[in-house]
Amino acid sequence: MKIDNDSKVSLIDYLIRTKNTTGSEEASVKNRKEEKGITDRVELTRDAEFRRLKDIVKKAPSVREEKIATVKEAVEAKTYNIKGELVAKSLLKDHILETIL
């Protein structure tokens, strides 16, 4: 089974990139800004960013009624087609999110 990545930056990609950022990279960026004389800045810790993202996810509805209605209609009409690639992609995303968070 082949799963193609549509090259869009997703929440998963963002979380993985920010988790892999090292302190030396952050210090390097800070030093470059100081050399240029930049004084106005806002700094967020990784914990604050993760908390913000968790809040966004928690606010999202857990049940999408319109999606359920659409699927129910398709199942009743026997036109519902399950795509294995989409199921696999969803399972992988869930696993990665559980691992990271």
N, C-alpha and C. Protein backbone atom coordinates (compact mmCIF):
# COMPACT_ATOMS: atom_id res chain seq x y z
N MET A 1 0.84 -1.16 0.00
CA MET A 1 0.00 0.00 0.00
C MET A 1 0.89 1.23 0.00
N LYS A 2 0.63 2.16 -0.88
CA LYS A 2 1.43 3.36 -1.00
C LYS A 2 0.63 4.54 -0.46
N ILE A 3 1.28 5.33 0.38
CA ILE A 3 0.65 6.53 0.93
C ILE A 3 1.46 7.72 0.46
N ASP A 4 0.81 8.60 -0.28
CA ASP A 4 1.49 9.78 -0.80
C ASP A 4 1.32 10.94 0.16
N ASN A 5 2.37 11.71 0.28
CA ASN A 5 2.31 12.91 1.10
C ASN A 5 2.01 14.08 0.17
N ASP A 6 1.00 14.86 0.50
CA ASP A 6 0.59 15.95 -0.38
C ASP A 6 1.41 17.21 -0.18
N SER A 7 2.49 17.14 0.54
CA SER A 7 3.48 18.20 0.77
C SER A 7 2.91 19.45 1.43
N LYS A 8 1.74 19.38 2.03
CA LYS A 8 1.21 20.49 2.80
C LYS A 8 1.76 20.38 4.22
N VAL A 9 2.03 21.53 4.80
CA VAL A 9 2.51 21.53 6.18
C VAL A 9 1.31 21.27 7.07
N SER A 10 1.38 20.22 7.83
CA SER A 10 0.26 19.88 8.70
C SER A 10 0.68 20.05 10.15
N LEU A 11 -0.27 19.90 11.02
CA LEU A 11 -0.01 20.00 12.44
C LEU A 11 1.03 18.98 12.86
N ILE A 12 0.93 17.76 12.33
CA ILE A 12 1.89 16.71 12.67
C ILE A 12 3.30 17.12 12.27
N ASP A 13 3.44 17.60 11.04
CA ASP A 13 4.76 18.02 10.56
C ASP A 13 5.31 19.13 11.44
N TYR A 14 4.46 20.09 11.80
CA TYR A 14 4.89 21.20 12.64
C TYR A 14 5.35 20.72 14.01
N LEU A 15 4.58 19.81 14.60
CA LEU A 15 4.94 19.30 15.92
C LEU A 15 6.26 18.53 15.87
N ILE A 16 6.45 17.75 14.83
CA ILE A 16 7.68 16.97 14.71
C ILE A 16 8.87 17.91 14.54
N ARG A 17 8.73 18.94 13.70
CA ARG A 17 9.84 19.88 13.48
C ARG A 17 10.17 20.63 14.76
N THR A 18 9.16 21.09 15.49
CA THR A 18 9.44 21.86 16.69
C THR A 18 10.01 20.98 17.78
N LYS A 19 9.62 19.73 17.83
CA LYS A 19 10.15 18.82 18.85
C LYS A 19 11.62 18.52 18.58
N ASN A 20 12.04 18.52 17.31
CA ASN A 20 13.41 18.20 16.95
C ASN A 20 14.34 19.41 16.95
N THR A 21 13.84 20.60 17.27
CA THR A 21 14.67 21.80 17.32
C THR A 21 15.56 21.73 18.55
N THR A 22 16.84 21.98 18.37
CA THR A 22 17.76 21.91 19.50
C THR A 22 17.98 23.29 20.09
N GLY A 23 18.47 23.31 21.30
CA GLY A 23 18.75 24.57 21.97
C GLY A 23 19.82 25.38 21.25
N SER A 24 20.79 24.70 20.62
CA SER A 24 21.86 25.43 19.93
C SER A 24 21.31 26.18 18.73
N GLU A 25 20.32 25.62 18.04
CA GLU A 25 19.70 26.31 16.92
C GLU A 25 18.98 27.57 17.42
N GLU A 26 18.29 27.45 18.54
CA GLU A 26 17.58 28.59 19.11
C GLU A 26 18.57 29.67 19.53
N ALA A 27 19.68 29.28 20.15
CA ALA A 27 20.70 30.24 20.58
C ALA A 27 21.32 30.93 19.38
N SER A 28 21.54 30.20 18.30
CA SER A 28 22.12 30.78 17.08
C SER A 28 21.21 31.86 16.51
N VAL A 29 19.93 31.60 16.45
CA VAL A 29 18.97 32.58 15.95
C VAL A 29 18.95 33.81 16.86
N LYS A 30 18.97 33.58 18.16
CA LYS A 30 18.96 34.68 19.13
C LYS A 30 20.21 35.55 18.95
N ASN A 31 21.37 34.93 18.77
CA ASN A 31 22.61 35.69 18.59
C ASN A 31 22.58 36.53 17.32
N ARG A 32 22.03 35.97 16.23
CA ARG A 32 21.95 36.72 14.97
C ARG A 32 21.04 37.93 15.13
N LYS A 33 19.94 37.77 15.84
CA LYS A 33 19.02 38.89 16.05
C LYS A 33 19.69 39.98 16.88
N GLU A 34 20.43 39.57 17.91
CA GLU A 34 21.10 40.55 18.76
C GLU A 34 22.17 41.31 17.98
N GLU A 35 22.87 40.61 17.06
CA GLU A 35 23.89 41.27 16.24
C GLU A 35 23.27 42.33 15.34
N LYS A 36 22.05 42.12 14.88
CA LYS A 36 21.38 43.06 13.99
C LYS A 36 20.70 44.19 14.77
N GLY A 37 20.72 44.13 16.09
CA GLY A 37 20.14 45.19 16.89
C GLY A 37 18.63 45.09 17.03
N ILE A 38 18.07 43.93 16.83
CA ILE A 38 16.63 43.74 16.97
C ILE A 38 16.32 43.62 18.46
N THR A 39 15.45 44.50 18.95
CA THR A 39 15.15 44.49 20.38
C THR A 39 13.73 44.06 20.70
N ASP A 40 12.78 44.31 19.79
CA ASP A 40 11.40 43.90 20.03
C ASP A 40 11.21 42.46 19.59
N ARG A 41 10.76 41.62 20.52
CA ARG A 41 10.52 40.22 20.16
C ARG A 41 9.60 39.58 21.18
N VAL A 42 8.98 38.53 20.74
CA VAL A 42 8.13 37.72 21.61
C VAL A 42 8.68 36.31 21.58
N GLU A 43 8.89 35.73 22.74
CA GLU A 43 9.42 34.38 22.80
C GLU A 43 8.39 33.47 23.45
N LEU A 44 8.13 32.35 22.82
CA LEU A 44 7.24 31.34 23.38
C LEU A 44 8.06 30.09 23.64
N THR A 45 7.88 29.53 24.78
CA THR A 45 8.56 28.27 25.04
C THR A 45 7.83 27.16 24.30
N ARG A 46 8.49 26.06 24.14
CA ARG A 46 7.85 24.92 23.48
C ARG A 46 6.62 24.48 24.26
N ASP A 47 6.72 24.52 25.58
CA ASP A 47 5.59 24.11 26.41
C ASP A 47 4.39 25.01 26.15
N ALA A 48 4.62 26.31 26.05
CA ALA A 48 3.52 27.24 25.79
C ALA A 48 2.90 26.97 24.43
N GLU A 49 3.74 26.70 23.44
CA GLU A 49 3.23 26.41 22.10
C GLU A 49 2.42 25.12 22.10
N PHE A 50 2.89 24.08 22.78
CA PHE A 50 2.14 22.83 22.86
C PHE A 50 0.82 23.04 23.60
N ARG A 51 0.84 23.83 24.65
CA ARG A 51 -0.41 24.12 25.37
C ARG A 51 -1.40 24.84 24.47
N ARG A 52 -0.91 25.79 23.68
CA ARG A 52 -1.77 26.52 22.75
C ARG A 52 -2.38 25.57 21.72
N LEU A 53 -1.56 24.68 21.18
CA LEU A 53 -2.06 23.72 20.19
C LEU A 53 -3.05 22.74 20.81
N LYS A 54 -2.78 22.30 22.03
CA LYS A 54 -3.72 21.40 22.72
C LYS A 54 -5.06 22.08 22.93
N ASP A 55 -5.04 23.37 23.29
CA ASP A 55 -6.28 24.11 23.48
C ASP A 55 -7.08 24.19 22.19
N ILE A 56 -6.40 24.41 21.08
CA ILE A 56 -7.07 24.46 19.77
C ILE A 56 -7.73 23.13 19.47
N VAL A 57 -7.00 22.03 19.70
CA VAL A 57 -7.52 20.70 19.43
C VAL A 57 -8.70 20.39 20.35
N LYS A 58 -8.61 20.77 21.63
CA LYS A 58 -9.70 20.52 22.57
C LYS A 58 -10.97 21.27 22.20
N LYS A 59 -10.83 22.46 21.62
CA LYS A 59 -11.99 23.26 21.24
C LYS A 59 -12.70 22.72 20.01
N ALA A 60 -12.01 21.93 19.22
CA ALA A 60 -12.62 21.36 18.01
C ALA A 60 -13.68 20.35 18.42
N PRO A 61 -14.79 20.31 17.71
CA PRO A 61 -15.85 19.36 18.08
C PRO A 61 -15.39 17.93 17.88
N SER A 62 -15.75 17.06 18.82
CA SER A 62 -15.33 15.66 18.71
C SER A 62 -16.22 14.88 17.75
N VAL A 63 -17.43 15.37 17.53
CA VAL A 63 -18.36 14.71 16.61
C VAL A 63 -18.81 15.72 15.57
N ARG A 64 -18.58 15.37 14.31
CA ARG A 64 -19.02 16.25 13.22
C ARG A 64 -20.31 15.68 12.64
N GLU A 65 -21.42 16.26 13.07
CA GLU A 65 -22.74 15.75 12.72
C GLU A 65 -22.96 15.69 11.21
N GLU A 66 -22.52 16.71 10.48
CA GLU A 66 -22.73 16.72 9.02
C GLU A 66 -21.97 15.58 8.35
N LYS A 67 -20.79 15.26 8.85
CA LYS A 67 -20.00 14.16 8.28
C LYS A 67 -20.69 12.83 8.57
N ILE A 68 -21.22 12.67 9.78
CA ILE A 68 -21.92 11.43 10.15
C ILE A 68 -23.14 11.24 9.27
N ALA A 69 -23.90 12.31 9.06
CA ALA A 69 -25.10 12.22 8.23
C ALA A 69 -24.76 11.81 6.80
N THR A 70 -23.69 12.37 6.26
CA THR A 70 -23.26 12.04 4.90
C THR A 70 -22.87 10.57 4.78
N VAL A 71 -22.12 10.08 5.76
CA VAL A 71 -21.68 8.68 5.74
C VAL A 71 -22.88 7.75 5.91
N LYS A 72 -23.79 8.09 6.82
CA LYS A 72 -24.99 7.26 7.02
C LYS A 72 -25.78 7.12 5.73
N GLU A 73 -25.97 8.24 5.03
CA GLU A 73 -26.70 8.21 3.77
C GLU A 73 -26.00 7.32 2.75
N ALA A 74 -24.68 7.43 2.66
CA ALA A 74 -23.92 6.63 1.70
C ALA A 74 -23.99 5.15 2.05
N VAL A 75 -23.94 4.80 3.35
CA VAL A 75 -24.02 3.40 3.77
C VAL A 75 -25.40 2.84 3.44
N GLU A 76 -26.44 3.61 3.74
CA GLU A 76 -27.81 3.16 3.45
C GLU A 76 -28.04 2.99 1.96
N ALA A 77 -27.43 3.84 1.14
CA ALA A 77 -27.58 3.75 -0.30
C ALA A 77 -26.59 2.75 -0.91
N LYS A 78 -25.76 2.14 -0.07
CA LYS A 78 -24.73 1.17 -0.49
C LYS A 78 -23.76 1.76 -1.50
N THR A 79 -23.42 3.03 -1.30
CA THR A 79 -22.45 3.69 -2.18
C THR A 79 -21.21 4.14 -1.41
N TYR A 80 -21.13 3.76 -0.14
CA TYR A 80 -20.00 4.15 0.68
C TYR A 80 -18.79 3.30 0.32
N ASN A 81 -17.69 3.97 -0.04
CA ASN A 81 -16.47 3.28 -0.45
C ASN A 81 -15.35 3.68 0.51
N ILE A 82 -14.79 2.70 1.18
CA ILE A 82 -13.71 2.95 2.12
C ILE A 82 -12.38 2.87 1.37
N LYS A 83 -11.59 3.92 1.49
CA LYS A 83 -10.27 3.95 0.86
C LYS A 83 -9.23 3.54 1.90
N GLY A 84 -8.55 2.44 1.64
CA GLY A 84 -7.56 1.91 2.56
C GLY A 84 -6.45 2.89 2.88
N GLU A 85 -6.04 3.67 1.88
CA GLU A 85 -4.96 4.64 2.11
C GLU A 85 -5.36 5.70 3.13
N LEU A 86 -6.61 6.14 3.06
CA LEU A 86 -7.08 7.16 4.00
C LEU A 86 -7.16 6.60 5.42
N VAL A 87 -7.59 5.35 5.53
CA VAL A 87 -7.66 4.71 6.85
C VAL A 87 -6.25 4.58 7.43
N ALA A 88 -5.31 4.12 6.62
CA ALA A 88 -3.92 3.97 7.08
C ALA A 88 -3.32 5.31 7.48
N LYS A 89 -3.57 6.34 6.69
CA LYS A 89 -3.05 7.68 7.00
C LYS A 89 -3.61 8.19 8.32
N SER A 90 -4.89 7.98 8.53
CA SER A 90 -5.53 8.41 9.77
C SER A 90 -4.96 7.68 10.99
N LEU A 91 -4.76 6.38 10.84
CA LEU A 91 -4.18 5.59 11.93
C LEU A 91 -2.77 6.06 12.27
N LEU A 92 -1.98 6.33 11.25
CA LEU A 92 -0.62 6.81 11.47
C LEU A 92 -0.61 8.17 12.16
N LYS A 93 -1.48 9.08 11.72
CA LYS A 93 -1.56 10.39 12.35
C LYS A 93 -1.93 10.27 13.82
N ASP A 94 -2.93 9.43 14.11
CA ASP A 94 -3.35 9.23 15.51
C ASP A 94 -2.19 8.70 16.35
N HIS A 95 -1.47 7.73 15.81
CA HIS A 95 -0.35 7.13 16.53
C HIS A 95 0.74 8.17 16.80
N ILE A 96 1.06 8.97 15.79
CA ILE A 96 2.11 9.98 15.95
C ILE A 96 1.68 11.01 16.97
N LEU A 97 0.43 11.46 16.92
CA LEU A 97 -0.06 12.44 17.89
C LEU A 97 0.00 11.89 19.31
N GLU A 98 -0.41 10.65 19.49
CA GLU A 98 -0.36 10.05 20.82
C GLU A 98 1.08 9.93 21.33
N THR A 99 2.00 9.64 20.43
CA THR A 99 3.41 9.51 20.80
C THR A 99 3.99 10.86 21.20
N ILE A 100 3.68 11.91 20.45
CA ILE A 100 4.24 13.23 20.70
C ILE A 100 3.59 13.89 21.91
N LEU A 101 2.27 13.82 21.99
CA LEU A 101 1.57 14.52 23.06
C LEU A 101 1.41 13.60 24.22
